[in-house]
Amino acid sequence: ENRENDYYMMYIMQLRILSDINNS
């Protein structure tokens, strides 16, 4: 694991939030 991977996963977390159909 490295810092850049951590940053990428922060980006993925925001995609998850924006794409969650249980979240309006």
mmCIF file of all heavy atoms, coordinates in Angstrom:
data_MODEL
# 
_entry.id   MODEL 
# 
loop_
_atom_site.group_PDB 
_atom_site.id 
_atom_site.type_symbol 
_atom_site.label_atom_id 
_atom_site.label_alt_id 
_atom_site.label_comp_id 
_atom_site.label_asym_id 
_atom_site.label_entity_id 
_atom_site.label_seq_id 
_atom_site.pdbx_PDB_ins_code 
_atom_site.Cartn_x 
_atom_site.Cartn_y 
_atom_site.Cartn_z 
_atom_site.occupancy 
_atom_site.B_iso_or_equiv 
_atom_site.pdbx_formal_charge 
_atom_site.auth_seq_id 
_atom_site.auth_comp_id 
_atom_site.auth_asym_id 
_atom_site.auth_atom_id 
_atom_site.pdbx_PDB_model_num 
ATOM 1   N N   . GLU A 1 1  ? 0.848   -1.191 0.000   1.00 0.00 ? 1  GLU A N   1 
ATOM 2   C CA  . GLU A 1 1  ? 0.000   0.000  0.000   1.00 0.00 ? 1  GLU A CA  1 
ATOM 3   C C   . GLU A 1 1  ? 0.887   1.245  0.000   1.00 0.00 ? 1  GLU A C   1 
ATOM 4   O O   . GLU A 1 1  ? 2.001   1.234  0.522   1.00 0.00 ? 1  GLU A O   1 
ATOM 5   C CB  . GLU A 1 1  ? -0.902  0.005  1.244   1.00 0.00 ? 1  GLU A CB  1 
ATOM 6   C CG  . GLU A 1 1  ? -1.833  -1.206 1.349   1.00 0.00 ? 1  GLU A CG  1 
ATOM 7   C CD  . GLU A 1 1  ? -2.857  -1.263 0.236   1.00 0.00 ? 1  GLU A CD  1 
ATOM 8   O OE1 . GLU A 1 1  ? -3.164  -0.187 -0.339  1.00 0.00 ? 1  GLU A OE1 1 
ATOM 9   O OE2 . GLU A 1 1  ? -3.356  -2.361 -0.060  1.00 0.00 ? 1  GLU A OE2 1 
ATOM 10  N N   . ASN A 1 2  ? 0.383   2.322  -0.583  1.00 0.00 ? 2  ASN A N   1 
ATOM 11  C CA  . ASN A 1 2  ? 1.133   3.574  -0.593  1.00 0.00 ? 2  ASN A CA  1 
ATOM 12  C C   . ASN A 1 2  ? 0.179   4.751  -0.499  1.00 0.00 ? 2  ASN A C   1 
ATOM 13  O O   . ASN A 1 2  ? -1.041  4.591  -0.570  1.00 0.00 ? 2  ASN A O   1 
ATOM 14  C CB  . ASN A 1 2  ? 2.018   3.676  -1.841  1.00 0.00 ? 2  ASN A CB  1 
ATOM 15  C CG  . ASN A 1 2  ? 1.215   3.510  -3.127  1.00 0.00 ? 2  ASN A CG  1 
ATOM 16  O OD1 . ASN A 1 2  ? 0.221   4.205  -3.347  1.00 0.00 ? 2  ASN A OD1 1 
ATOM 17  N ND2 . ASN A 1 2  ? 1.635   2.585  -3.980  1.00 0.00 ? 2  ASN A ND2 1 
ATOM 18  N N   . ARG A 1 3  ? 0.751   5.923  -0.339  1.00 0.00 ? 3  ARG A N   1 
ATOM 19  C CA  . ARG A 1 3  ? -0.061  7.132  -0.143  1.00 0.00 ? 3  ARG A CA  1 
ATOM 20  C C   . ARG A 1 3  ? -0.944  7.431  -1.343  1.00 0.00 ? 3  ARG A C   1 
ATOM 21  O O   . ARG A 1 3  ? -2.107  7.822  -1.185  1.00 0.00 ? 3  ARG A O   1 
ATOM 22  C CB  . ARG A 1 3  ? 0.876   8.313  0.136   1.00 0.00 ? 3  ARG A CB  1 
ATOM 23  C CG  . ARG A 1 3  ? 0.160   9.607  0.513   1.00 0.00 ? 3  ARG A CG  1 
ATOM 24  C CD  . ARG A 1 3  ? -0.643  9.484  1.798   1.00 0.00 ? 3  ARG A CD  1 
ATOM 25  N NE  . ARG A 1 3  ? 0.188   9.179  2.926   1.00 0.00 ? 3  ARG A NE  1 
ATOM 26  C CZ  . ARG A 1 3  ? 0.815   10.082 3.672   1.00 0.00 ? 3  ARG A CZ  1 
ATOM 27  N NH1 . ARG A 1 3  ? 0.717   11.367 3.370   1.00 0.00 ? 3  ARG A NH1 1 
ATOM 28  N NH2 . ARG A 1 3  ? 1.523   9.715  4.710   1.00 0.00 ? 3  ARG A NH2 1 
ATOM 29  N N   . GLU A 1 4  ? -0.428  7.222  -2.554  1.00 0.00 ? 4  GLU A N   1 
ATOM 30  C CA  . GLU A 1 4  ? -1.223  7.497  -3.746  1.00 0.00 ? 4  GLU A CA  1 
ATOM 31  C C   . GLU A 1 4  ? -2.436  6.577  -3.820  1.00 0.00 ? 4  GLU A C   1 
ATOM 32  O O   . GLU A 1 4  ? -3.513  6.987  -4.261  1.00 0.00 ? 4  GLU A O   1 
ATOM 33  C CB  . GLU A 1 4  ? -0.365  7.360  -5.006  1.00 0.00 ? 4  GLU A CB  1 
ATOM 34  C CG  . GLU A 1 4  ? 0.563   8.532  -5.254  1.00 0.00 ? 4  GLU A CG  1 
ATOM 35  C CD  . GLU A 1 4  ? -0.178  9.864  -5.352  1.00 0.00 ? 4  GLU A CD  1 
ATOM 36  O OE1 . GLU A 1 4  ? -1.214  9.931  -6.051  1.00 0.00 ? 4  GLU A OE1 1 
ATOM 37  O OE2 . GLU A 1 4  ? 0.270   10.843 -4.726  1.00 0.00 ? 4  GLU A OE2 1 
ATOM 38  N N   . ASN A 1 5  ? -2.270  5.340  -3.394  1.00 0.00 ? 5  ASN A N   1 
ATOM 39  C CA  . ASN A 1 5  ? -3.405  4.418  -3.359  1.00 0.00 ? 5  ASN A CA  1 
ATOM 40  C C   . ASN A 1 5  ? -4.457  4.896  -2.358  1.00 0.00 ? 5  ASN A C   1 
ATOM 41  O O   . ASN A 1 5  ? -5.657  4.784  -2.601  1.00 0.00 ? 5  ASN A O   1 
ATOM 42  C CB  . ASN A 1 5  ? -2.937  3.016  -3.002  1.00 0.00 ? 5  ASN A CB  1 
ATOM 43  C CG  . ASN A 1 5  ? -4.074  1.998  -3.029  1.00 0.00 ? 5  ASN A CG  1 
ATOM 44  O OD1 . ASN A 1 5  ? -4.599  1.667  -4.078  1.00 0.00 ? 5  ASN A OD1 1 
ATOM 45  N ND2 . ASN A 1 5  ? -4.458  1.517  -1.859  1.00 0.00 ? 5  ASN A ND2 1 
ATOM 46  N N   . ASP A 1 6  ? -3.991  5.430  -1.232  1.00 0.00 ? 6  ASP A N   1 
ATOM 47  C CA  . ASP A 1 6  ? -4.924  5.982  -0.239  1.00 0.00 ? 6  ASP A CA  1 
ATOM 48  C C   . ASP A 1 6  ? -5.728  7.134  -0.830  1.00 0.00 ? 6  ASP A C   1 
ATOM 49  O O   . ASP A 1 6  ? -6.940  7.250  -0.594  1.00 0.00 ? 6  ASP A O   1 
ATOM 50  C CB  . ASP A 1 6  ? -4.162  6.475  0.991   1.00 0.00 ? 6  ASP A CB  1 
ATOM 51  C CG  . ASP A 1 6  ? -3.545  5.345  1.798   1.00 0.00 ? 6  ASP A CG  1 
ATOM 52  O OD1 . ASP A 1 6  ? -3.995  4.194  1.635   1.00 0.00 ? 6  ASP A OD1 1 
ATOM 53  O OD2 . ASP A 1 6  ? -2.609  5.620  2.569   1.00 0.00 ? 6  ASP A OD2 1 
ATOM 54  N N   . TYR A 1 7  ? -5.065  7.988  -1.611  1.00 0.00 ? 7  TYR A N   1 
ATOM 55  C CA  . TYR A 1 7  ? -5.757  9.108  -2.228  1.00 0.00 ? 7  TYR A CA  1 
ATOM 56  C C   . TYR A 1 7  ? -6.789  8.612  -3.254  1.00 0.00 ? 7  TYR A C   1 
ATOM 57  O O   . TYR A 1 7  ? -7.898  9.145  -3.344  1.00 0.00 ? 7  TYR A O   1 
ATOM 58  C CB  . TYR A 1 7  ? -4.764  10.041 -2.921  1.00 0.00 ? 7  TYR A CB  1 
ATOM 59  C CG  . TYR A 1 7  ? -3.797  10.716 -1.974  1.00 0.00 ? 7  TYR A CG  1 
ATOM 60  C CD1 . TYR A 1 7  ? -2.548  11.139 -2.415  1.00 0.00 ? 7  TYR A CD1 1 
ATOM 61  C CD2 . TYR A 1 7  ? -4.139  10.940 -0.645  1.00 0.00 ? 7  TYR A CD2 1 
ATOM 62  C CE1 . TYR A 1 7  ? -1.660  11.764 -1.547  1.00 0.00 ? 7  TYR A CE1 1 
ATOM 63  C CE2 . TYR A 1 7  ? -3.255  11.562 0.221   1.00 0.00 ? 7  TYR A CE2 1 
ATOM 64  C CZ  . TYR A 1 7  ? -2.016  11.971 -0.234  1.00 0.00 ? 7  TYR A CZ  1 
ATOM 65  O OH  . TYR A 1 7  ? -1.142  12.575 0.625   1.00 0.00 ? 7  TYR A OH  1 
ATOM 66  N N   . TYR A 1 8  ? -6.394  7.595  -4.008  1.00 0.00 ? 8  TYR A N   1 
ATOM 67  C CA  . TYR A 1 8  ? -7.327  7.023  -4.987  1.00 0.00 ? 8  TYR A CA  1 
ATOM 68  C C   . TYR A 1 8  ? -8.569  6.467  -4.292  1.00 0.00 ? 8  TYR A C   1 
ATOM 69  O O   . TYR A 1 8  ? -9.694  6.664  -4.763  1.00 0.00 ? 8  TYR A O   1 
ATOM 70  C CB  . TYR A 1 8  ? -6.627  5.919  -5.781  1.00 0.00 ? 8  TYR A CB  1 
ATOM 71  C CG  . TYR A 1 8  ? -7.530  5.200  -6.764  1.00 0.00 ? 8  TYR A CG  1 
ATOM 72  C CD1 . TYR A 1 8  ? -7.881  5.792  -7.976  1.00 0.00 ? 8  TYR A CD1 1 
ATOM 73  C CD2 . TYR A 1 8  ? -8.052  3.939  -6.466  1.00 0.00 ? 8  TYR A CD2 1 
ATOM 74  C CE1 . TYR A 1 8  ? -8.721  5.145  -8.872  1.00 0.00 ? 8  TYR A CE1 1 
ATOM 75  C CE2 . TYR A 1 8  ? -8.891  3.290  -7.362  1.00 0.00 ? 8  TYR A CE2 1 
ATOM 76  C CZ  . TYR A 1 8  ? -9.216  3.888  -8.561  1.00 0.00 ? 8  TYR A CZ  1 
ATOM 77  O OH  . TYR A 1 8  ? -10.053 3.250  -9.438  1.00 0.00 ? 8  TYR A OH  1 
ATOM 78  N N   . MET A 1 9  ? -8.366  5.811  -3.153  1.00 0.00 ? 9  MET A N   1 
ATOM 79  C CA  . MET A 1 9  ? -9.507  5.241  -2.432  1.00 0.00 ? 9  MET A CA  1 
ATOM 80  C C   . MET A 1 9  ? -10.407 6.335  -1.842  1.00 0.00 ? 9  MET A C   1 
ATOM 81  O O   . MET A 1 9  ? -11.615 6.126  -1.693  1.00 0.00 ? 9  MET A O   1 
ATOM 82  C CB  . MET A 1 9  ? -9.018  4.301  -1.331  1.00 0.00 ? 9  MET A CB  1 
ATOM 83  C CG  . MET A 1 9  ? -8.332  3.036  -1.856  1.00 0.00 ? 9  MET A CG  1 
ATOM 84  S SD  . MET A 1 9  ? -9.293  2.147  -3.123  1.00 0.00 ? 9  MET A SD  1 
ATOM 85  C CE  . MET A 1 9  ? -10.738 1.660  -2.179  1.00 0.00 ? 9  MET A CE  1 
ATOM 86  N N   . MET A 1 10 ? -9.843  7.496  -1.539  1.00 0.00 ? 10 MET A N   1 
ATOM 87  C CA  . MET A 1 10 ? -10.679 8.631  -1.120  1.00 0.00 ? 10 MET A CA  1 
ATOM 88  C C   . MET A 1 10 ? -11.588 9.066  -2.265  1.00 0.00 ? 10 MET A C   1 
ATOM 89  O O   . MET A 1 10 ? -12.764 9.390  -2.052  1.00 0.00 ? 10 MET A O   1 
ATOM 90  C CB  . MET A 1 10 ? -9.792  9.797  -0.676  1.00 0.00 ? 10 MET A CB  1 
ATOM 91  C CG  . MET A 1 10 ? -9.034  9.560  0.603   1.00 0.00 ? 10 MET A CG  1 
ATOM 92  S SD  . MET A 1 10 ? -8.003  11.008 1.034   1.00 0.00 ? 10 MET A SD  1 
ATOM 93  C CE  . MET A 1 10 ? -6.948  10.306 2.307   1.00 0.00 ? 10 MET A CE  1 
ATOM 94  N N   . TYR A 1 11 ? -11.036 9.071  -3.452  1.00 0.00 ? 11 TYR A N   1 
ATOM 95  C CA  . TYR A 1 11 ? -11.817 9.397  -4.655  1.00 0.00 ? 11 TYR A CA  1 
ATOM 96  C C   . TYR A 1 11 ? -12.923 8.359  -4.869  1.00 0.00 ? 11 TYR A C   1 
ATOM 97  O O   . TYR A 1 11 ? -14.083 8.723  -5.119  1.00 0.00 ? 11 TYR A O   1 
ATOM 98  C CB  . TYR A 1 11 ? -10.866 9.453  -5.842  1.00 0.00 ? 11 TYR A CB  1 
ATOM 99  C CG  . TYR A 1 11 ? -11.482 9.264  -7.215  1.00 0.00 ? 11 TYR A CG  1 
ATOM 100 C CD1 . TYR A 1 11 ? -12.317 10.226 -7.777  1.00 0.00 ? 11 TYR A CD1 1 
ATOM 101 C CD2 . TYR A 1 11 ? -11.200 8.115  -7.955  1.00 0.00 ? 11 TYR A CD2 1 
ATOM 102 C CE1 . TYR A 1 11 ? -12.855 10.048 -9.047  1.00 0.00 ? 11 TYR A CE1 1 
ATOM 103 C CE2 . TYR A 1 11 ? -11.733 7.927  -9.217  1.00 0.00 ? 11 TYR A CE2 1 
ATOM 104 C CZ  . TYR A 1 11 ? -12.564 8.891  -9.762  1.00 0.00 ? 11 TYR A CZ  1 
ATOM 105 O OH  . TYR A 1 11 ? -13.101 8.714  -11.013 1.00 0.00 ? 11 TYR A OH  1 
ATOM 106 N N   . ILE A 1 12 ? -12.583 7.080  -4.725  1.00 0.00 ? 12 ILE A N   1 
ATOM 107 C CA  . ILE A 1 12 ? -13.566 6.009  -4.893  1.00 0.00 ? 12 ILE A CA  1 
ATOM 108 C C   . ILE A 1 12 ? -14.685 6.141  -3.867  1.00 0.00 ? 12 ILE A C   1 
ATOM 109 O O   . ILE A 1 12 ? -15.867 5.914  -4.172  1.00 0.00 ? 12 ILE A O   1 
ATOM 110 C CB  . ILE A 1 12 ? -12.885 4.633  -4.787  1.00 0.00 ? 12 ILE A CB  1 
ATOM 111 C CG1 . ILE A 1 12 ? -11.975 4.382  -5.999  1.00 0.00 ? 12 ILE A CG1 1 
ATOM 112 C CG2 . ILE A 1 12 ? -13.919 3.519  -4.661  1.00 0.00 ? 12 ILE A CG2 1 
ATOM 113 C CD1 . ILE A 1 12 ? -12.703 4.309  -7.322  1.00 0.00 ? 12 ILE A CD1 1 
ATOM 114 N N   . MET A 1 13 ? -14.327 6.515  -2.637  1.00 0.00 ? 13 MET A N   1 
ATOM 115 C CA  . MET A 1 13 ? -15.345 6.686  -1.596  1.00 0.00 ? 13 MET A CA  1 
ATOM 116 C C   . MET A 1 13 ? -16.371 7.742  -2.011  1.00 0.00 ? 13 MET A C   1 
ATOM 117 O O   . MET A 1 13 ? -17.585 7.566  -1.806  1.00 0.00 ? 13 MET A O   1 
ATOM 118 C CB  . MET A 1 13 ? -14.683 7.083  -0.284  1.00 0.00 ? 13 MET A CB  1 
ATOM 119 C CG  . MET A 1 13 ? -15.679 7.380  0.842   1.00 0.00 ? 13 MET A CG  1 
ATOM 120 S SD  . MET A 1 13 ? -16.787 5.981  1.212   1.00 0.00 ? 13 MET A SD  1 
ATOM 121 C CE  . MET A 1 13 ? -15.608 4.876  1.989   1.00 0.00 ? 13 MET A CE  1 
ATOM 122 N N   . GLN A 1 14 ? -15.934 8.818  -2.632  1.00 0.00 ? 14 GLN A N   1 
ATOM 123 C CA  . GLN A 1 14 ? -16.874 9.847  -3.069  1.00 0.00 ? 14 GLN A CA  1 
ATOM 124 C C   . GLN A 1 14 ? -17.731 9.351  -4.231  1.00 0.00 ? 14 GLN A C   1 
ATOM 125 O O   . GLN A 1 14 ? -18.921 9.663  -4.313  1.00 0.00 ? 14 GLN A O   1 
ATOM 126 C CB  . GLN A 1 14 ? -16.115 11.123 -3.459  1.00 0.00 ? 14 GLN A CB  1 
ATOM 127 C CG  . GLN A 1 14 ? -15.273 11.708 -2.336  1.00 0.00 ? 14 GLN A CG  1 
ATOM 128 C CD  . GLN A 1 14 ? -16.006 11.814 -1.012  1.00 0.00 ? 14 GLN A CD  1 
ATOM 129 O OE1 . GLN A 1 14 ? -17.143 12.302 -0.934  1.00 0.00 ? 14 GLN A OE1 1 
ATOM 130 N NE2 . GLN A 1 14 ? -15.378 11.334 0.054   1.00 0.00 ? 14 GLN A NE2 1 
ATOM 131 N N   . LEU A 1 15 ? -17.146 8.542  -5.122  1.00 0.00 ? 15 LEU A N   1 
ATOM 132 C CA  . LEU A 1 15 ? -17.953 7.930  -6.186  1.00 0.00 ? 15 LEU A CA  1 
ATOM 133 C C   . LEU A 1 15 ? -19.035 7.033  -5.598  1.00 0.00 ? 15 LEU A C   1 
ATOM 134 O O   . LEU A 1 15 ? -20.167 6.997  -6.092  1.00 0.00 ? 15 LEU A O   1 
ATOM 135 C CB  . LEU A 1 15 ? -17.063 7.115  -7.125  1.00 0.00 ? 15 LEU A CB  1 
ATOM 136 C CG  . LEU A 1 15 ? -16.116 7.848  -8.063  1.00 0.00 ? 15 LEU A CG  1 
ATOM 137 C CD1 . LEU A 1 15 ? -15.437 6.847  -9.006  1.00 0.00 ? 15 LEU A CD1 1 
ATOM 138 C CD2 . LEU A 1 15 ? -16.846 8.909  -8.875  1.00 0.00 ? 15 LEU A CD2 1 
ATOM 139 N N   . ARG A 1 16 ? -18.669 6.308  -4.553  1.00 0.00 ? 16 ARG A N   1 
ATOM 140 C CA  . ARG A 1 16 ? -19.653 5.417  -3.899  1.00 0.00 ? 16 ARG A CA  1 
ATOM 141 C C   . ARG A 1 16 ? -20.818 6.223  -3.334  1.00 0.00 ? 16 ARG A C   1 
ATOM 142 O O   . ARG A 1 16 ? -21.982 5.831  -3.466  1.00 0.00 ? 16 ARG A O   1 
ATOM 143 C CB  . ARG A 1 16 ? -18.967 4.618  -2.798  1.00 0.00 ? 16 ARG A CB  1 
ATOM 144 C CG  . ARG A 1 16 ? -18.050 3.514  -3.292  1.00 0.00 ? 16 ARG A CG  1 
ATOM 145 C CD  . ARG A 1 16 ? -17.232 2.924  -2.163  1.00 0.00 ? 16 ARG A CD  1 
ATOM 146 N NE  . ARG A 1 16 ? -18.075 2.416  -1.076  1.00 0.00 ? 16 ARG A NE  1 
ATOM 147 C CZ  . ARG A 1 16 ? -17.588 1.920  0.051   1.00 0.00 ? 16 ARG A CZ  1 
ATOM 148 N NH1 . ARG A 1 16 ? -16.277 1.875  0.252   1.00 0.00 ? 16 ARG A NH1 1 
ATOM 149 N NH2 . ARG A 1 16 ? -18.406 1.481  0.992   1.00 0.00 ? 16 ARG A NH2 1 
ATOM 150 N N   . ILE A 1 17 ? -20.501 7.341  -2.698  1.00 0.00 ? 17 ILE A N   1 
ATOM 151 C CA  . ILE A 1 17 ? -21.543 8.183  -2.107  1.00 0.00 ? 17 ILE A CA  1 
ATOM 152 C C   . ILE A 1 17 ? -22.461 8.741  -3.192  1.00 0.00 ? 17 ILE A C   1 
ATOM 153 O O   . ILE A 1 17 ? -23.690 8.704  -3.075  1.00 0.00 ? 17 ILE A O   1 
ATOM 154 C CB  . ILE A 1 17 ? -20.900 9.329  -1.294  1.00 0.00 ? 17 ILE A CB  1 
ATOM 155 C CG1 . ILE A 1 17 ? -20.182 8.769  -0.066  1.00 0.00 ? 17 ILE A CG1 1 
ATOM 156 C CG2 . ILE A 1 17 ? -21.959 10.361 -0.883  1.00 0.00 ? 17 ILE A CG2 1 
ATOM 157 C CD1 . ILE A 1 17 ? -19.322 9.784  0.657   1.00 0.00 ? 17 ILE A CD1 1 
ATOM 158 N N   . LEU A 1 18 ? -21.860 9.256  -4.260  1.00 0.00 ? 18 LEU A N   1 
ATOM 159 C CA  . LEU A 1 18 ? -22.640 9.864  -5.338  1.00 0.00 ? 18 LEU A CA  1 
ATOM 160 C C   . LEU A 1 18 ? -23.482 8.849  -6.097  1.00 0.00 ? 18 LEU A C   1 
ATOM 161 O O   . LEU A 1 18 ? -24.519 9.195  -6.666  1.00 0.00 ? 18 LEU A O   1 
ATOM 162 C CB  . LEU A 1 18 ? -21.704 10.579 -6.316  1.00 0.00 ? 18 LEU A CB  1 
ATOM 163 C CG  . LEU A 1 18 ? -20.999 11.829 -5.782  1.00 0.00 ? 18 LEU A CG  1 
ATOM 164 C CD1 . LEU A 1 18 ? -19.933 12.281 -6.766  1.00 0.00 ? 18 LEU A CD1 1 
ATOM 165 C CD2 . LEU A 1 18 ? -21.999 12.946 -5.533  1.00 0.00 ? 18 LEU A CD2 1 
ATOM 166 N N   . SER A 1 19 ? -23.053 7.586  -6.109  1.00 0.00 ? 19 SER A N   1 
ATOM 167 C CA  . SER A 1 19 ? -23.723 6.557  -6.905  1.00 0.00 ? 19 SER A CA  1 
ATOM 168 C C   . SER A 1 19 ? -24.701 5.714  -6.100  1.00 0.00 ? 19 SER A C   1 
ATOM 169 O O   . SER A 1 19 ? -25.379 4.857  -6.668  1.00 0.00 ? 19 SER A O   1 
ATOM 170 C CB  . SER A 1 19 ? -22.666 5.630  -7.535  1.00 0.00 ? 19 SER A CB  1 
ATOM 171 O OG  . SER A 1 19 ? -21.783 6.348  -8.358  1.00 0.00 ? 19 SER A OG  1 
ATOM 172 N N   . ASP A 1 20 ? -24.789 5.935  -4.807  1.00 0.00 ? 20 ASP A N   1 
ATOM 173 C CA  . ASP A 1 20 ? -25.632 5.105  -3.934  1.00 0.00 ? 20 ASP A CA  1 
ATOM 174 C C   . ASP A 1 20 ? -27.105 5.449  -4.144  1.00 0.00 ? 20 ASP A C   1 
ATOM 175 O O   . ASP A 1 20 ? -27.546 6.551  -3.817  1.00 0.00 ? 20 ASP A O   1 
ATOM 176 C CB  . ASP A 1 20 ? -25.233 5.334  -2.483  1.00 0.00 ? 20 ASP A CB  1 
ATOM 177 C CG  . ASP A 1 20 ? -25.947 4.395  -1.520  1.00 0.00 ? 20 ASP A CG  1 
ATOM 178 O OD1 . ASP A 1 20 ? -26.845 3.639  -1.960  1.00 0.00 ? 20 ASP A OD1 1 
ATOM 179 O OD2 . ASP A 1 20 ? -25.611 4.419  -0.326  1.00 0.00 ? 20 ASP A OD2 1 
ATOM 180 N N   . ILE A 1 21 ? -27.886 4.499  -4.666  1.00 0.00 ? 21 ILE A N   1 
ATOM 181 C CA  . ILE A 1 21 ? -29.301 4.774  -4.923  1.00 0.00 ? 21 ILE A CA  1 
ATOM 182 C C   . ILE A 1 21 ? -30.120 4.803  -3.638  1.00 0.00 ? 21 ILE A C   1 
ATOM 183 O O   . ILE A 1 21 ? -31.306 5.152  -3.663  1.00 0.00 ? 21 ILE A O   1 
ATOM 184 C CB  . ILE A 1 21 ? -29.923 3.789  -5.934  1.00 0.00 ? 21 ILE A CB  1 
ATOM 185 C CG1 . ILE A 1 21 ? -29.855 2.352  -5.425  1.00 0.00 ? 21 ILE A CG1 1 
ATOM 186 C CG2 . ILE A 1 21 ? -29.243 3.921  -7.277  1.00 0.00 ? 21 ILE A CG2 1 
ATOM 187 C CD1 . ILE A 1 21 ? -30.569 1.362  -6.336  1.00 0.00 ? 21 ILE A CD1 1 
ATOM 188 N N   . ASN A 1 22 ? -29.512 4.449  -2.507  1.00 0.00 ? 22 ASN A N   1 
ATOM 189 C CA  . ASN A 1 22 ? -30.180 4.603  -1.217  1.00 0.00 ? 22 ASN A CA  1 
ATOM 190 C C   . ASN A 1 22 ? -29.934 5.992  -0.629  1.00 0.00 ? 22 ASN A C   1 
ATOM 191 O O   . ASN A 1 22 ? -30.429 6.312  0.445   1.00 0.00 ? 22 ASN A O   1 
ATOM 192 C CB  . ASN A 1 22 ? -29.659 3.536  -0.238  1.00 0.00 ? 22 ASN A CB  1 
ATOM 193 C CG  . ASN A 1 22 ? -29.904 2.130  -0.741  1.00 0.00 ? 22 ASN A CG  1 
ATOM 194 O OD1 . ASN A 1 22 ? -31.035 1.696  -0.881  1.00 0.00 ? 22 ASN A OD1 1 
ATOM 195 N ND2 . ASN A 1 22 ? -28.829 1.413  -1.034  1.00 0.00 ? 22 ASN A ND2 1 
ATOM 196 N N   . ASN A 1 23 ? -29.174 6.809  -1.348  1.00 0.00 ? 23 ASN A N   1 
ATOM 197 C CA  . ASN A 1 23 ? -28.796 8.145  -0.891  1.00 0.00 ? 23 ASN A CA  1 
ATOM 198 C C   . ASN A 1 23 ? -29.346 9.170  -1.874  1.00 0.00 ? 23 ASN A C   1 
ATOM 199 O O   . ASN A 1 23 ? -28.933 9.223  -3.028  1.00 0.00 ? 23 ASN A O   1 
ATOM 200 C CB  . ASN A 1 23 ? -27.262 8.225  -0.811  1.00 0.00 ? 23 ASN A CB  1 
ATOM 201 C CG  . ASN A 1 23 ? -26.762 9.624  -0.468  1.00 0.00 ? 23 ASN A CG  1 
ATOM 202 O OD1 . ASN A 1 23 ? -27.545 10.508 -0.150  1.00 0.00 ? 23 ASN A OD1 1 
ATOM 203 N ND2 . ASN A 1 23 ? -25.458 9.810  -0.558  1.00 0.00 ? 23 ASN A ND2 1 
ATOM 204 N N   . SER A 1 24 ? -30.254 10.014 -1.436  1.00 0.00 ? 24 SER A N   1 
ATOM 205 C CA  . SER A 1 24 ? -30.896 10.976 -2.331  1.00 0.00 ? 24 SER A CA  1 
ATOM 206 C C   . SER A 1 24 ? -30.513 12.425 -2.010  1.00 0.00 ? 24 SER A C   1 
ATOM 207 O O   . SER A 1 24 ? -31.190 13.352 -2.416  1.00 0.00 ? 24 SER A O   1 
ATOM 208 C CB  . SER A 1 24 ? -32.426 10.823 -2.253  1.00 0.00 ? 24 SER A CB  1 
ATOM 209 O OG  . SER A 1 24 ? -32.882 11.073 -0.937  1.00 0.00 ? 24 SER A OG  1 
# 
